[in-house]
Each structure stands twice: as C-alpha cells, then as structure tokens.
Amino acid sequence: GQNNHLWLEVLEGDDVGIRVSVPRYSRAYDEELQEQVLDLDTGDVHEFILESEETTSPNWRIATIDPAEEQDRQTPVTA
C-alpha cells in the first residue's frame, strides 16, 4: 500500500528532482528514527542520509534525519 512508503524528492545536488521511495516502517530503524519517520509530513524539508544494501537496484531506507543537529547535541561547545 501507498502508506507504507514515503516519497522523498531531492532538492539539491546532482540528483535534484529525483524521487526516492523509502519505507515508513523498517526493522533497521531504531525507536527514535522510527518516530521521526512517522512524524514526517508532506512538504517537510530535511536532510536525509539514505542507506541501501543493494547497489544494483537500490532499496533505499532512511539512515539519519538532519544529521547535523544530532552532532550539535553530542558536541560540547564552550563560548
């Protein structure tokens, strides 16, 4: 069914305009990522890191959403 997949459209870079289908539910997603995926709405813009086990006919899934934010939280900064 359509609801089991999300379509992501590439907005910048060499692949701009390409649409990639990713699963809404995956055993590869940890709990936090699964929640983030389910919270996504049509029109949301995020930075996604995608991963796939096959390179010939890629079966993409989301590895990370907005990776920079995560690093900021993990990196202590002093002013």
C-alpha atoms as a PDB file:
ATOM      1  CA  GLY A   1       0.000   0.000   0.000  1.00  0.00           C
ATOM      2  CA  GLN A   2       0.962   3.594  -0.539  1.00  0.00           C
ATOM      3  CA  ASN A   3       1.015   4.374   3.161  1.00  0.00           C
ATOM      4  CA  ASN A   4       3.910   2.025   3.828  1.00  0.00           C
ATOM      5  CA  HIS A   5       6.272   4.180   1.796  1.00  0.00           C
ATOM      6  CA  LEU A   6       7.305   7.810   1.733  1.00  0.00           C
ATOM      7  CA  TRP A   7       8.434   9.574  -1.419  1.00  0.00           C
ATOM      8  CA  LEU A   8      11.392  11.883  -0.904  1.00  0.00           C
ATOM      9  CA  GLU A   9      12.253  14.420  -3.590  1.00  0.00           C
ATOM     10  CA  VAL A  10      15.875  15.512  -3.934  1.00  0.00           C
ATOM     11  CA  LEU A  11      16.067  19.322  -3.728  1.00  0.00           C
ATOM     12  CA  GLU A  12      19.750  19.975  -4.407  1.00  0.00           C
ATOM     13  CA  GLY A  13      22.902  18.397  -5.791  1.00  0.00           C
ATOM     14  CA  ASP A  14      23.409  16.253  -8.877  1.00  0.00           C
ATOM     15  CA  ASP A  15      20.221  14.248  -8.390  1.00  0.00           C
ATOM     16  CA  VAL A  16      17.866  17.217  -7.996  1.00  0.00           C
ATOM     17  CA  GLY A  17      14.270  16.352  -8.866  1.00  0.00           C
ATOM     18  CA  ILE A  18      14.745  12.615  -8.416  1.00  0.00           C
ATOM     19  CA  ARG A  19      12.137  10.936  -6.238  1.00  0.00           C
ATOM     20  CA  VAL A  20      13.182   8.138  -3.903  1.00  0.00           C
ATOM     21  CA  SER A  21      10.794   5.764  -2.170  1.00  0.00           C
ATOM     22  CA  VAL A  22      11.654   4.784   1.409  1.00  0.00           C
ATOM     23  CA  PRO A  23       9.738   2.543   3.834  1.00  0.00           C
ATOM     24  CA  ARG A  24       7.794   4.141   6.688  1.00  0.00           C
ATOM     25  CA  TYR A  25       8.450   1.066   8.819  1.00  0.00           C
ATOM     26  CA  SER A  26      11.737  -0.825   8.857  1.00  0.00           C
ATOM     27  CA  ARG A  27      13.440  -3.181  11.272  1.00  0.00           C
ATOM     28  CA  ALA A  28      16.586  -1.206  10.502  1.00  0.00           C
ATOM     29  CA  TYR A  29      15.126   1.909  12.142  1.00  0.00           C
ATOM     30  CA  ASP A  30      15.784   2.348  15.834  1.00  0.00           C
ATOM     31  CA  GLU A  31      12.962   3.624  18.026  1.00  0.00           C
ATOM     32  CA  GLU A  32      13.899   7.297  17.768  1.00  0.00           C
ATOM     33  CA  LEU A  33      14.341   7.203  13.997  1.00  0.00           C
ATOM     34  CA  GLN A  34      11.087   5.304  13.554  1.00  0.00           C
ATOM     35  CA  GLU A  35       9.264   8.066  15.437  1.00  0.00           C
ATOM     36  CA  GLN A  36      10.959  10.735  13.324  1.00  0.00           C
ATOM     37  CA  VAL A  37       9.936   8.947  10.126  1.00  0.00           C
ATOM     38  CA  LEU A  38       6.311   8.664  11.229  1.00  0.00           C
ATOM     39  CA  ASP A  39       6.277  12.374  12.158  1.00  0.00           C
ATOM     40  CA  LEU A  40       7.253  13.469   8.651  1.00  0.00           C
ATOM     41  CA  ASP A  41       4.601  15.420   6.756  1.00  0.00           C
ATOM     42  CA  THR A  42       4.280  16.108   3.057  1.00  0.00           C
ATOM     43  CA  GLY A  43       6.280  19.224   2.252  1.00  0.00           C
ATOM     44  CA  ASP A  44       8.697  18.907   5.164  1.00  0.00           C
ATOM     45  CA  VAL A  45      12.287  19.641   4.190  1.00  0.00           C
ATOM     46  CA  HIS A  46      15.001  17.706   5.971  1.00  0.00           C
ATOM     47  CA  GLU A  47      18.470  16.438   5.312  1.00  0.00           C
ATOM     48  CA  PHE A  48      18.333  12.681   4.953  1.00  0.00           C
ATOM     49  CA  ILE A  49      21.121  10.139   4.879  1.00  0.00           C
ATOM     50  CA  LEU A  50      19.896   7.100   2.968  1.00  0.00           C
ATOM     51  CA  GLU A  51      21.351   3.613   3.017  1.00  0.00           C
ATOM     52  CA  SER A  52      20.836   0.520   0.907  1.00  0.00           C
ATOM     53  CA  GLU A  53      22.187  -2.999   0.914  1.00  0.00           C
ATOM     54  CA  GLU A  54      21.989  -3.335  -2.866  1.00  0.00           C
ATOM     55  CA  THR A  55      23.721  -1.018  -5.273  1.00  0.00           C
ATOM     56  CA  THR A  56      22.322  -2.537  -8.477  1.00  0.00           C
ATOM     57  CA  SER A  57      18.644  -1.842  -7.741  1.00  0.00           C
ATOM     58  CA  PRO A  58      18.835   0.227  -4.565  1.00  0.00           C
ATOM     59  CA  ASN A  59      16.220  -0.438  -1.948  1.00  0.00           C
ATOM     60  CA  TRP A  60      16.672   2.797  -0.026  1.00  0.00           C
ATOM     61  CA  ARG A  61      15.787   3.412   3.574  1.00  0.00           C
ATOM     62  CA  ILE A  62      16.482   6.330   5.870  1.00  0.00           C
ATOM     63  CA  ALA A  63      19.648   6.099   7.953  1.00  0.00           C
ATOM     64  CA  THR A  64      19.576   9.542   9.592  1.00  0.00           C
ATOM     65  CA  ILE A  65      17.353  12.618   9.507  1.00  0.00           C
ATOM     66  CA  ASP A  66      19.019  16.028   9.900  1.00  0.00           C
ATOM     67  CA  PRO A  67      22.409  14.614  10.911  1.00  0.00           C
ATOM     68  CA  ALA A  68      23.955  17.998  11.774  1.00  0.00           C
ATOM     69  CA  GLU A  69      21.537  18.597  14.643  1.00  0.00           C
ATOM     70  CA  GLU A  70      22.464  15.301  16.180  1.00  0.00           C
ATOM     71  CA  GLN A  71      26.166  16.142  16.119  1.00  0.00           C
ATOM     72  CA  ASP A  72      25.489  19.507  17.734  1.00  0.00           C
ATOM     73  CA  ARG A  73      23.797  17.802  20.642  1.00  0.00           C
ATOM     74  CA  GLN A  74      26.710  15.443  21.124  1.00  0.00           C
ATOM     75  CA  THR A  75      29.467  18.039  20.843  1.00  0.00           C
ATOM     76  CA  PRO A  76      30.163  20.116  23.946  1.00  0.00           C
ATOM     77  CA  VAL A  77      30.896  23.719  22.994  1.00  0.00           C
ATOM     78  CA  THR A  78      32.445  26.426  25.148  1.00  0.00           C
ATOM     79  CA  ALA A  79      31.984  30.123  24.378  1.00  0.00           C
END
